[in-house]
């Protein structure tokens, strides 16, 4: 390995880029929630151009990892599923972004 090759470990010594976040769909979901805040499932589905099934699968993985919270509620008589990033999710996302900056030169 040459000295210009990035290390396989982050500055903290662990493996970089959480596989839970690193997938394109989950990265898009978390990026949106961090930027915009809590978002209804149906709106998130349209904004990210995903099917119900695809979005559900990725949200389940993020929820299992405690990175998002899924709240089912009623607005009037209509059900609504609201997705929001958890505190842990925000912390993990910030760590992910910092690891990405450590790996890719010039990211600010």
PDB file of N, CA and C in Angstrom:
ATOM      1  N   UNK A   1       0.832  -1.186   0.000  1.00  0.00           N
ATOM      2  CA  UNK A   1       0.000   0.000   0.000  1.00  0.00           C
ATOM      3  C   UNK A   1       0.873   1.245   0.000  1.00  0.00           C
ATOM      4  N   UNK A   2       0.592   2.177  -0.879  1.00  0.00           N
ATOM      5  CA  UNK A   2       1.393   3.389  -0.917  1.00  0.00           C
ATOM      6  C   UNK A   2       0.974   4.336   0.196  1.00  0.00           C
ATOM      7  N   UNK A   3       1.812   5.325   0.476  1.00  0.00           N
ATOM      8  CA  UNK A   3       1.503   6.274   1.547  1.00  0.00           C
ATOM      9  C   UNK A   3       0.366   7.207   1.162  1.00  0.00           C
ATOM     10  N   UNK A   4      -0.011   7.272  -0.141  1.00  0.00           N
ATOM     11  CA  UNK A   4      -1.116   8.138  -0.545  1.00  0.00           C
ATOM     12  C   UNK A   4      -2.469   7.440  -0.476  1.00  0.00           C
ATOM     13  N   UNK A   5      -2.466   6.131  -0.202  1.00  0.00           N
ATOM     14  CA  UNK A   5      -3.708   5.375  -0.090  1.00  0.00           C
ATOM     15  C   UNK A   5      -4.358   5.661   1.251  1.00  0.00           C
ATOM     16  N   UNK A   6      -5.651   5.989   1.259  1.00  0.00           N
ATOM     17  CA  UNK A   6      -6.316   6.266   2.534  1.00  0.00           C
ATOM     18  C   UNK A   6      -6.279   5.042   3.437  1.00  0.00           C
ATOM     19  N   UNK A   7      -6.161   5.283   4.688  1.00  0.00           N
ATOM     20  CA  UNK A   7      -6.181   4.207   5.677  1.00  0.00           C
ATOM     21  C   UNK A   7      -7.556   3.573   5.708  1.00  0.00           C
ATOM     22  N   UNK A   8      -7.630   2.300   6.062  1.00  0.00           N
ATOM     23  CA  UNK A   8      -8.930   1.635   6.158  1.00  0.00           C
ATOM     24  C   UNK A   8      -9.605   1.927   7.486  1.00  0.00           C
ATOM     25  N   UNK A   9      -8.966   2.701   8.314  1.00  0.00           N
ATOM     26  CA  UNK A   9      -9.553   3.052   9.604  1.00  0.00           C
ATOM     27  C   UNK A   9      -9.711   4.560   9.696  1.00  0.00           C
ATOM     28  N   UNK A  10     -10.733   4.983  10.407  1.00  0.00           N
ATOM     29  CA  UNK A  10     -10.956   6.415  10.605  1.00  0.00           C
ATOM     30  C   UNK A  10      -9.971   6.952  11.623  1.00  0.00           C
ATOM     31  N   UNK A  11     -10.002   8.257  11.820  1.00  0.00           N
ATOM     32  CA  UNK A  11      -9.104   8.896  12.778  1.00  0.00           C
ATOM     33  C   UNK A  11      -9.263   8.301  14.164  1.00  0.00           C
ATOM     34  N   UNK A  12     -10.462   7.821  14.490  1.00  0.00           N
ATOM     35  CA  UNK A  12     -10.713   7.242  15.795  1.00  0.00           C
ATOM     36  C   UNK A  12     -10.265   5.794  15.902  1.00  0.00           C
ATOM     37  N   UNK A  13      -9.779   5.210  14.804  1.00  0.00           N
ATOM     38  CA  UNK A  13      -9.255   3.853  14.862  1.00  0.00           C
ATOM     39  C   UNK A  13     -10.237   2.778  14.444  1.00  0.00           C
ATOM     40  N   UNK A  14     -11.518   3.110  14.292  1.00  0.00           N
ATOM     41  CA  UNK A  14     -12.508   2.117  13.892  1.00  0.00           C
ATOM     42  C   UNK A  14     -12.681   2.103  12.386  1.00  0.00           C
ATOM     43  N   UNK A  15     -13.503   1.206  11.904  1.00  0.00           N
ATOM     44  CA  UNK A  15     -13.794   1.157  10.480  1.00  0.00           C
ATOM     45  C   UNK A  15     -14.606   2.389  10.089  1.00  0.00           C
ATOM     46  N   UNK A  16     -14.216   3.066   9.005  1.00  0.00           N
ATOM     47  CA  UNK A  16     -14.925   4.276   8.599  1.00  0.00           C
ATOM     48  C   UNK A  16     -16.231   3.976   7.880  1.00  0.00           C
ATOM     49  N   UNK A  17     -17.045   4.984   7.748  1.00  0.00           N
ATOM     50  CA  UNK A  17     -18.265   4.978   6.956  1.00  0.00           C
ATOM     51  C   UNK A  17     -19.223   3.848   7.311  1.00  0.00           C
ATOM     52  N   UNK A  18     -20.004   4.109   8.307  1.00  0.00           N
ATOM     53  CA  UNK A  18     -21.022   3.168   8.772  1.00  0.00           C
ATOM     54  C   UNK A  18     -21.807   2.569   7.619  1.00  0.00           C
ATOM     55  N   UNK A  19     -21.823   1.244   7.485  1.00  0.00           N
ATOM     56  CA  UNK A  19     -22.591   0.626   6.407  1.00  0.00           C
ATOM     57  C   UNK A  19     -24.094   0.886   6.549  1.00  0.00           C
ATOM     58  N   UNK A  20     -24.548   1.175   7.746  1.00  0.00           N
ATOM     59  CA  UNK A  20     -25.962   1.483   7.953  1.00  0.00           C
ATOM     60  C   UNK A  20     -26.343   2.788   7.265  1.00  0.00           C
ATOM     61  N   UNK A  21     -25.429   3.735   7.235  1.00  0.00           N
ATOM     62  CA  UNK A  21     -25.687   5.036   6.621  1.00  0.00           C
ATOM     63  C   UNK A  21     -25.186   5.084   5.177  1.00  0.00           C
ATOM     64  N   UNK A  22     -24.126   4.384   4.875  1.00  0.00           N
ATOM     65  CA  UNK A  22     -23.400   4.563   3.618  1.00  0.00           C
ATOM     66  C   UNK A  22     -24.187   4.210   2.363  1.00  0.00           C
ATOM     67  N   UNK A  23     -25.181   3.354   2.461  1.00  0.00           N
ATOM     68  CA  UNK A  23     -25.989   3.046   1.284  1.00  0.00           C
ATOM     69  C   UNK A  23     -26.685   4.293   0.767  1.00  0.00           C
ATOM     70  N   UNK A  24     -26.799   4.411  -0.543  1.00  0.00           N
ATOM     71  CA  UNK A  24     -27.350   5.619  -1.167  1.00  0.00           C
ATOM     72  C   UNK A  24     -28.723   5.990  -0.613  1.00  0.00           C
ATOM     73  N   UNK A  25     -29.634   5.044  -0.541  1.00  0.00           N
ATOM     74  CA  UNK A  25     -31.000   5.347  -0.099  1.00  0.00           C
ATOM     75  C   UNK A  25     -31.019   5.843   1.343  1.00  0.00           C
ATOM     76  N   UNK A  26     -30.295   5.170   2.230  1.00  0.00           N
ATOM     77  CA  UNK A  26     -30.310   5.578   3.640  1.00  0.00           C
ATOM     78  C   UNK A  26     -29.583   6.899   3.841  1.00  0.00           C
ATOM     79  N   UNK A  27     -28.553   7.144   3.053  1.00  0.00           N
ATOM     80  CA  UNK A  27     -27.867   8.430   3.116  1.00  0.00           C
ATOM     81  C   UNK A  27     -28.801   9.559   2.671  1.00  0.00           C
ATOM     82  N   UNK A  28     -29.577   9.319   1.615  1.00  0.00           N
ATOM     83  CA  UNK A  28     -30.554  10.314   1.158  1.00  0.00           C
ATOM     84  C   UNK A  28     -31.627  10.574   2.214  1.00  0.00           C
ATOM     85  N   UNK A  29     -32.124   9.511   2.819  1.00  0.00           N
ATOM     86  CA  UNK A  29     -33.160   9.646   3.845  1.00  0.00           C
ATOM     87  C   UNK A  29     -32.650  10.496   5.005  1.00  0.00           C
ATOM     88  N   UNK A  30     -31.493  10.117   5.547  1.00  0.00           N
ATOM     89  CA  UNK A  30     -30.952  10.854   6.691  1.00  0.00           C
ATOM     90  C   UNK A  30     -30.591  12.284   6.317  1.00  0.00           C
ATOM     91  N   UNK A  31     -30.017  12.475   5.149  1.00  0.00           N
ATOM     92  CA  UNK A  31     -29.660  13.835   4.711  1.00  0.00           C
ATOM     93  C   UNK A  31     -30.899  14.722   4.666  1.00  0.00           C
ATOM     94  N   UNK A  32     -31.975  14.189   4.121  1.00  0.00           N
ATOM     95  CA  UNK A  32     -33.222  14.970   4.058  1.00  0.00           C
ATOM     96  C   UNK A  32     -33.743  15.291   5.462  1.00  0.00           C
ATOM     97  N   UNK A  33     -33.793  14.290   6.315  1.00  0.00           N
ATOM     98  CA  UNK A  33     -34.334  14.497   7.664  1.00  0.00           C
ATOM     99  C   UNK A  33     -33.489  15.467   8.474  1.00  0.00           C
ATOM    100  N   UNK A  34     -32.177  15.414   8.306  1.00  0.00           N
ATOM    101  CA  UNK A  34     -31.288  16.343   9.014  1.00  0.00           C
ATOM    102  C   UNK A  34     -31.536  17.765   8.510  1.00  0.00           C
ATOM    103  N   UNK A  35     -31.670  17.903   7.202  1.00  0.00           N
ATOM    104  CA  UNK A  35     -31.816  19.222   6.580  1.00  0.00           C
ATOM    105  C   UNK A  35     -33.197  19.826   6.805  1.00  0.00           C
ATOM    106  N   UNK A  36     -34.264  19.007   6.674  1.00  0.00           N
ATOM    107  CA  UNK A  36     -35.632  19.519   6.672  1.00  0.00           C
ATOM    108  C   UNK A  36     -36.359  19.292   8.000  1.00  0.00           C
ATOM    109  N   UNK A  37     -36.067  18.188   8.652  1.00  0.00           N
ATOM    110  CA  UNK A  37     -36.756  17.854   9.894  1.00  0.00           C
ATOM    111  C   UNK A  37     -37.780  16.753   9.656  1.00  0.00           C
ATOM    112  N   UNK A  38     -38.630  16.511  10.648  1.00  0.00           N
ATOM    113  CA  UNK A  38     -39.622  15.435  10.533  1.00  0.00           C
ATOM    114  C   UNK A  38     -40.437  15.559   9.244  1.00  0.00           C
ATOM    115  N   UNK A  39     -40.624  14.423   8.589  1.00  0.00           N
ATOM    116  CA  UNK A  39     -41.296  14.408   7.285  1.00  0.00           C
ATOM    117  C   UNK A  39     -42.265  13.237   7.225  1.00  0.00           C
ATOM    118  N   UNK A  40     -43.476  13.460   6.719  1.00  0.00           N
ATOM    119  CA  UNK A  40     -44.408  12.348   6.537  1.00  0.00           C
ATOM    120  C   UNK A  40     -43.854  11.329   5.527  1.00  0.00           C
ATOM    121  N   UNK A  41     -44.153  10.063   5.768  1.00  0.00           N
ATOM    122  CA  UNK A  41     -43.709   8.975   4.900  1.00  0.00           C
ATOM    123  C   UNK A  41     -44.042   9.258   3.443  1.00  0.00           C
ATOM    124  N   UNK A  42     -45.286   9.660   3.173  1.00  0.00           N
ATOM    125  CA  UNK A  42     -45.715   9.862   1.786  1.00  0.00           C
ATOM    126  C   UNK A  42     -44.924  10.978   1.108  1.00  0.00           C
ATOM    127  N   UNK A  43     -44.616  12.023   1.832  1.00  0.00           N
ATOM    128  CA  UNK A  43     -43.831  13.129   1.280  1.00  0.00           C
ATOM    129  C   UNK A  43     -42.395  12.681   1.021  1.00  0.00           C
ATOM    130  N   UNK A  44     -41.831  11.937   1.967  1.00  0.00           N
ATOM    131  CA  UNK A  44     -40.472  11.431   1.828  1.00  0.00           C
ATOM    132  C   UNK A  44     -40.371  10.508   0.609  1.00  0.00           C
ATOM    133  N   UNK A  45     -41.372   9.668   0.438  1.00  0.00           N
ATOM    134  CA  UNK A  45     -41.416   8.734  -0.692  1.00  0.00           C
ATOM    135  C   UNK A  45     -41.373   9.493  -2.021  1.00  0.00           C
ATOM    136  N   UNK A  46     -42.168  10.544  -2.128  1.00  0.00           N
ATOM    137  CA  UNK A  46     -42.214  11.327  -3.367  1.00  0.00           C
ATOM    138  C   UNK A  46     -40.904  12.095  -3.571  1.00  0.00           C
ATOM    139  N   UNK A  47     -40.425  12.766  -2.534  1.00  0.00           N
ATOM    140  CA  UNK A  47     -39.205  13.571  -2.646  1.00  0.00           C
ATOM    141  C   UNK A  47     -37.997  12.742  -3.065  1.00  0.00           C
ATOM    142  N   UNK A  48     -37.918  11.507  -2.542  1.00  0.00           N
ATOM    143  CA  UNK A  48     -36.762  10.659  -2.832  1.00  0.00           C
ATOM    144  C   UNK A  48     -37.011   9.694  -3.981  1.00  0.00           C
ATOM    145  N   UNK A  49     -38.209   9.774  -4.588  1.00  0.00           N
ATOM    146  CA  UNK A  49     -38.575   8.933  -5.739  1.00  0.00           C
ATOM    147  C   UNK A  49     -38.355   7.447  -5.448  1.00  0.00           C
ATOM    148  N   UNK A  50     -38.919   6.995  -4.320  1.00  0.00           N
ATOM    149  CA  UNK A  50     -38.814   5.590  -3.922  1.00  0.00           C
ATOM    150  C   UNK A  50     -40.205   4.971  -3.883  1.00  0.00           C
ATOM    151  N   UNK A  51     -40.248   3.674  -4.028  1.00  0.00           N
ATOM    152  CA  UNK A  51     -41.521   2.972  -3.850  1.00  0.00           C
ATOM    153  C   UNK A  51     -41.795   2.829  -2.362  1.00  0.00           C
ATOM    154  N   UNK A  52     -43.045   2.533  -2.021  1.00  0.00           N
ATOM    155  CA  UNK A  52     -43.399   2.292  -0.614  1.00  0.00           C
ATOM    156  C   UNK A  52     -42.512   1.202  -0.021  1.00  0.00           C
ATOM    157  N   UNK A  53     -42.351   0.104  -0.765  1.00  0.00           N
ATOM    158  CA  UNK A  53     -41.579  -1.033  -0.270  1.00  0.00           C
ATOM    159  C   UNK A  53     -40.125  -0.695  -0.035  1.00  0.00           C
ATOM    160  N   UNK A  54     -39.507  -0.006  -0.988  1.00  0.00           N
ATOM    161  CA  UNK A  54     -38.087   0.354  -0.852  1.00  0.00           C
ATOM    162  C   UNK A  54     -37.886   1.282   0.334  1.00  0.00           C
ATOM    163  N   UNK A  55     -38.720   2.306   0.440  1.00  0.00           N
ATOM    164  CA  UNK A  55     -38.588   3.237   1.555  1.00  0.00           C
ATOM    165  C   UNK A  55     -38.828   2.524   2.882  1.00  0.00           C
ATOM    166  N   UNK A  56     -39.829   1.662   2.934  1.00  0.00           N
ATOM    167  CA  UNK A  56     -40.134   0.922   4.169  1.00  0.00           C
ATOM    168  C   UNK A  56     -38.959   0.064   4.623  1.00  0.00           C
ATOM    169  N   UNK A  57     -38.330  -0.628   3.686  1.00  0.00           N
ATOM    170  CA  UNK A  57     -37.193  -1.496   4.028  1.00  0.00           C
ATOM    171  C   UNK A  57     -36.053  -0.673   4.619  1.00  0.00           C
ATOM    172  N   UNK A  58     -35.724   0.448   3.967  1.00  0.00           N
ATOM    173  CA  UNK A  58     -34.613   1.273   4.453  1.00  0.00           C
ATOM    174  C   UNK A  58     -34.953   1.947   5.776  1.00  0.00           C
ATOM    175  N   UNK A  59     -36.185   2.382   5.935  1.00  0.00           N
ATOM    176  CA  UNK A  59     -36.586   2.984   7.210  1.00  0.00           C
ATOM    177  C   UNK A  59     -36.550   1.960   8.335  1.00  0.00           C
ATOM    178  N   UNK A  60     -36.925   0.728   8.045  1.00  0.00           N
ATOM    179  CA  UNK A  60     -36.866  -0.331   9.063  1.00  0.00           C
ATOM    180  C   UNK A  60     -35.439  -0.552   9.539  1.00  0.00           C
ATOM    181  N   UNK A  61     -34.504  -0.554   8.603  1.00  0.00           N
ATOM    182  CA  UNK A  61     -33.095  -0.729   8.981  1.00  0.00           C
ATOM    183  C   UNK A  61     -32.611   0.447   9.826  1.00  0.00           C
ATOM    184  N   UNK A  62     -32.980   1.653   9.421  1.00  0.00           N
ATOM    185  CA  UNK A  62     -32.587   2.834  10.194  1.00  0.00           C
ATOM    186  C   UNK A  62     -33.249   2.846  11.569  1.00  0.00           C
ATOM    187  N   UNK A  63     -34.494   2.398  11.632  1.00  0.00           N
ATOM    188  CA  UNK A  63     -35.195   2.334  12.916  1.00  0.00           C
ATOM    189  C   UNK A  63     -34.567   1.255  13.805  1.00  0.00           C
ATOM    190  N   UNK A  64     -34.233   0.105  13.240  1.00  0.00           N
ATOM    191  CA  UNK A  64     -33.566  -0.954  14.013  1.00  0.00           C
ATOM    192  C   UNK A  64     -32.247  -0.465  14.595  1.00  0.00           C
ATOM    193  N   UNK A  65     -31.544   0.397  13.840  1.00  0.00           N
ATOM    194  CA  UNK A  65     -30.287   0.977  14.310  1.00  0.00           C
ATOM    195  C   UNK A  65     -30.480   2.180  15.208  1.00  0.00           C
ATOM    196  N   UNK A  66     -31.744   2.514  15.466  1.00  0.00           N
ATOM    197  CA  UNK A  66     -32.121   3.645  16.326  1.00  0.00           C
ATOM    198  C   UNK A  66     -31.648   4.995  15.778  1.00  0.00           C
ATOM    199  N   UNK A  67     -31.575   5.087  14.435  1.00  0.00           N
ATOM    200  CA  UNK A  67     -31.174   6.344  13.808  1.00  0.00           C
ATOM    201  C   UNK A  67     -32.371   7.210  13.446  1.00  0.00           C
ATOM    202  N   UNK A  68     -33.541   6.587  13.271  1.00  0.00           N
ATOM    203  CA  UNK A  68     -34.762   7.343  13.025  1.00  0.00           C
ATOM    204  C   UNK A  68     -35.854   6.846  13.960  1.00  0.00           C
ATOM    205  N   UNK A  69     -36.840   7.694  14.141  1.00  0.00           N
ATOM    206  CA  UNK A  69     -38.030   7.343  14.904  1.00  0.00           C
ATOM    207  C   UNK A  69     -39.217   7.444  13.962  1.00  0.00           C
ATOM    208  N   UNK A  70     -40.075   6.440  14.020  1.00  0.00           N
ATOM    209  CA  UNK A  70     -41.263   6.401  13.174  1.00  0.00           C
ATOM    210  C   UNK A  70     -42.475   6.527  14.077  1.00  0.00           C
ATOM    211  N   UNK A  71     -43.241   7.594  13.853  1.00  0.00           N
ATOM    212  CA  UNK A  71     -44.397   7.888  14.693  1.00  0.00           C
ATOM    213  C   UNK A  71     -45.655   7.772  13.848  1.00  0.00           C
ATOM    214  N   UNK A  72     -46.538   6.881  14.251  1.00  0.00           N
ATOM    215  CA  UNK A  72     -47.820   6.727  13.557  1.00  0.00           C
ATOM    216  C   UNK A  72     -48.866   7.483  14.363  1.00  0.00           C
ATOM    217  N   UNK A  73     -49.593   8.358  13.660  1.00  0.00           N
ATOM    218  CA  UNK A  73     -50.578   9.201  14.326  1.00  0.00           C
ATOM    219  C   UNK A  73     -51.758   9.424  13.387  1.00  0.00           C
ATOM    220  N   UNK A  74     -52.757  10.080  13.894  1.00  0.00           N
ATOM    221  CA  UNK A  74     -53.906  10.446  13.073  1.00  0.00           C
ATOM    222  C   UNK A  74     -53.967  11.957  12.969  1.00  0.00           C
ATOM    223  N   UNK A  75     -54.240  12.445  11.773  1.00  0.00           N
ATOM    224  CA  UNK A  75     -54.490  13.856  11.544  1.00  0.00           C
ATOM    225  C   UNK A  75     -55.945  13.905  11.093  1.00  0.00           C
ATOM    226  N   UNK A  76     -56.796  14.354  11.994  1.00  0.00           N
ATOM    227  CA  UNK A  76     -58.235  14.207  11.765  1.00  0.00           C
ATOM    228  C   UNK A  76     -58.539  12.721  11.828  1.00  0.00           C
ATOM    229  N   UNK A  77     -59.117  12.199  10.773  1.00  0.00           N
ATOM    230  CA  UNK A  77     -59.420  10.767  10.731  1.00  0.00           C
ATOM    231  C   UNK A  77     -58.458  10.008   9.831  1.00  0.00           C
ATOM    232  N   UNK A  78     -57.439  10.700   9.347  1.00  0.00           N
ATOM    233  CA  UNK A  78     -56.504  10.076   8.416  1.00  0.00           C
ATOM    234  C   UNK A  78     -55.208   9.678   9.127  1.00  0.00           C
ATOM    235  N   UNK A  79     -54.728   8.460   8.885  1.00  0.00           N
ATOM    236  CA  UNK A  79     -53.457   8.049   9.481  1.00  0.00           C
ATOM    237  C   UNK A  79     -52.287   8.757   8.800  1.00  0.00           C
ATOM    238  N   UNK A  80     -51.254   9.032   9.573  1.00  0.00           N
ATOM    239  CA  UNK A  80     -50.038   9.648   9.045  1.00  0.00           C
ATOM    240  C   UNK A  80     -48.846   9.009   9.741  1.00  0.00           C
ATOM    241  N   UNK A  81     -47.842   8.687   8.959  1.00  0.00           N
ATOM    242  CA  UNK A  81     -46.593   8.149   9.490  1.00  0.00           C
ATOM    243  C   UNK A  81     -45.535   9.228   9.338  1.00  0.00           C
ATOM    244  N   UNK A  82     -45.026   9.687  10.469  1.00  0.00           N
ATOM    245  CA  UNK A  82     -44.041  10.761  10.489  1.00  0.00           C
ATOM    246  C   UNK A  82     -42.673  10.160  10.795  1.00  0.00           C
ATOM    247  N   UNK A  83     -41.680  10.551  10.016  1.00  0.00           N
ATOM    248  CA  UNK A  83     -40.320  10.052  10.188  1.00  0.00           C
ATOM    249  C   UNK A  83     -39.453  11.198  10.693  1.00  0.00           C
ATOM    250  N   UNK A  84     -38.678  10.936  11.731  1.00  0.00           N
ATOM    251  CA  UNK A  84     -37.751  11.958  12.224  1.00  0.00           C
ATOM    252  C   UNK A  84     -36.437  11.300  12.634  1.00  0.00           C
ATOM    253  N   UNK A  85     -35.381  12.069  12.506  1.00  0.00           N
ATOM    254  CA  UNK A  85     -34.064  11.561  12.897  1.00  0.00           C
ATOM    255  C   UNK A  85     -33.972  11.605  14.417  1.00  0.00           C
ATOM    256  N   UNK A  86     -33.374  10.590  14.997  1.00  0.00           N
ATOM    257  CA  UNK A  86     -33.189  10.546  16.452  1.00  0.00           C
ATOM    258  C   UNK A  86     -31.906  11.288  16.827  1.00  0.00           C
ATOM    259  N   UNK A  87     -31.720  11.513  18.081  1.00  0.00           N
ATOM    260  CA  UNK A  87     -30.474  12.143  18.552  1.00  0.00           C
ATOM    261  C   UNK A  87     -29.285  11.273  18.156  1.00  0.00           C
ATOM    262  N   UNK A  88     -29.441   9.973  18.360  1.00  0.00           N
ATOM    263  CA  UNK A  88     -28.371   9.036  17.971  1.00  0.00           C
ATOM    264  C   UNK A  88     -28.128   9.126  16.458  1.00  0.00           C
ATOM    265  N   UNK A  89     -29.202   9.225  15.683  1.00  0.00           N
ATOM    266  CA  UNK A  89     -29.082   9.336  14.237  1.00  0.00           C
ATOM    267  C   UNK A  89     -28.319  10.577  13.825  1.00  0.00           C
ATOM    268  N   UNK A  90     -28.628  11.688  14.472  1.00  0.00           N
ATOM    269  CA  UNK A  90     -27.927  12.946  14.178  1.00  0.00           C
ATOM    270  C   UNK A  90     -26.444  12.813  14.517  1.00  0.00           C
ATOM    271  N   UNK A  91     -26.143  12.217  15.660  1.00  0.00           N
ATOM    272  CA  UNK A  91     -24.743  12.027  16.061  1.00  0.00           C
ATOM    273  C   UNK A  91     -24.009  11.102  15.094  1.00  0.00           C
ATOM    274  N   UNK A  92     -24.650   9.990  14.716  1.00  0.00           N
ATOM    275  CA  UNK A  92     -24.036   9.045  13.783  1.00  0.00           C
ATOM    276  C   UNK A  92     -23.828   9.692  12.413  1.00  0.00           C
ATOM    277  N   UNK A  93     -24.798  10.481  11.975  1.00  0.00           N
ATOM    278  CA  UNK A  93     -24.680  11.161  10.683  1.00  0.00           C
ATOM    279  C   UNK A  93     -23.518  12.151  10.710  1.00  0.00           C
ATOM    280  N   UNK A  94     -23.410  12.926  11.775  1.00  0.00           N
ATOM    281  CA  UNK A  94     -22.306  13.888  11.899  1.00  0.00           C
ATOM    282  C   UNK A  94     -20.958  13.166  11.897  1.00  0.00           C
ATOM    283  N   UNK A  95     -20.888  12.031  12.580  1.00  0.00           N
ATOM    284  CA  UNK A  95     -19.660  11.227  12.603  1.00  0.00           C
ATOM    285  C   UNK A  95     -19.353  10.718  11.187  1.00  0.00           C
ATOM    286  N   UNK A  96     -20.381  10.253  10.490  1.00  0.00           N
ATOM    287  CA  UNK A  96     -20.229   9.762   9.121  1.00  0.00           C
ATOM    288  C   UNK A  96     -19.649  10.865   8.223  1.00  0.00           C
ATOM    289  N   UNK A  97     -20.219  12.062   8.308  1.00  0.00           N
ATOM    290  CA  UNK A  97     -19.760  13.188   7.486  1.00  0.00           C
ATOM    291  C   UNK A  97     -18.310  13.524   7.819  1.00  0.00           C
ATOM    292  N   UNK A  98     -17.953  13.503   9.100  1.00  0.00           N
ATOM    293  CA  UNK A  98     -16.571  13.797   9.476  1.00  0.00           C
ATOM    294  C   UNK A  98     -15.620  12.732   8.936  1.00  0.00           C
ATOM    295  N   UNK A  99     -16.011  11.459   8.999  1.00  0.00           N
ATOM    296  CA  UNK A  99     -15.180  10.388   8.457  1.00  0.00           C
ATOM    297  C   UNK A  99     -15.019  10.555   6.948  1.00  0.00           C
ATOM    298  N   UNK A 100     -16.077  10.977   6.275  1.00  0.00           N
ATOM    299  CA  UNK A 100     -16.005  11.217   4.838  1.00  0.00           C
ATOM    300  C   UNK A 100     -15.018  12.344   4.548  1.00  0.00           C
ATOM    301  N   UNK A 101     -15.061  13.386   5.350  1.00  0.00           N
ATOM    302  CA  UNK A 101     -14.093  14.496   5.185  1.00  0.00           C
ATOM    303  C   UNK A 101     -12.665  14.022   5.418  1.00  0.00           C
ATOM    304  N   UNK A 102     -12.479  13.110   6.368  1.00  0.00           N
ATOM    305  CA  UNK A 102     -11.125  12.591   6.647  1.00  0.00           C
ATOM    306  C   UNK A 102     -10.603  11.755   5.485  1.00  0.00           C
ATOM    307  N   UNK A 103     -11.507  11.104   4.777  1.00  0.00           N
ATOM    308  CA  UNK A 103     -11.112  10.209   3.689  1.00  0.00           C
ATOM    309  C   UNK A 103     -10.932  10.954   2.369  1.00  0.00           C
ATOM    310  N   UNK A 104     -11.835  11.890   2.080  1.00  0.00           N
ATOM    311  CA  UNK A 104     -11.844  12.579   0.786  1.00  0.00           C
ATOM    312  C   UNK A 104     -11.238  13.973   0.963  1.00  0.00           C
ATOM    313  N   UNK A 105     -10.080  14.200   0.370  1.00  0.00           N
ATOM    314  CA  UNK A 105      -9.452  15.514   0.501  1.00  0.00           C
ATOM    315  C   UNK A 105     -10.297  16.611  -0.155  1.00  0.00           C
ATOM    316  N   UNK A 106     -10.313  17.785   0.464  1.00  0.00           N
ATOM    317  CA  UNK A 106     -10.982  18.930  -0.123  1.00  0.00           C
ATOM    318  C   UNK A 106     -12.460  19.079   0.204  1.00  0.00           C
ATOM    319  N   UNK A 107     -13.060  18.132   0.938  1.00  0.00           N
ATOM    320  CA  UNK A 107     -14.471  18.283   1.314  1.00  0.00           C
ATOM    321  C   UNK A 107     -14.552  19.287   2.466  1.00  0.00           C
ATOM    322  N   UNK A 108     -15.402  20.227   2.340  1.00  0.00           N
ATOM    323  CA  UNK A 108     -15.599  21.200   3.427  1.00  0.00           C
ATOM    324  C   UNK A 108     -17.026  21.298   3.745  1.00  0.00           C
TER     325      UNK A 108
END
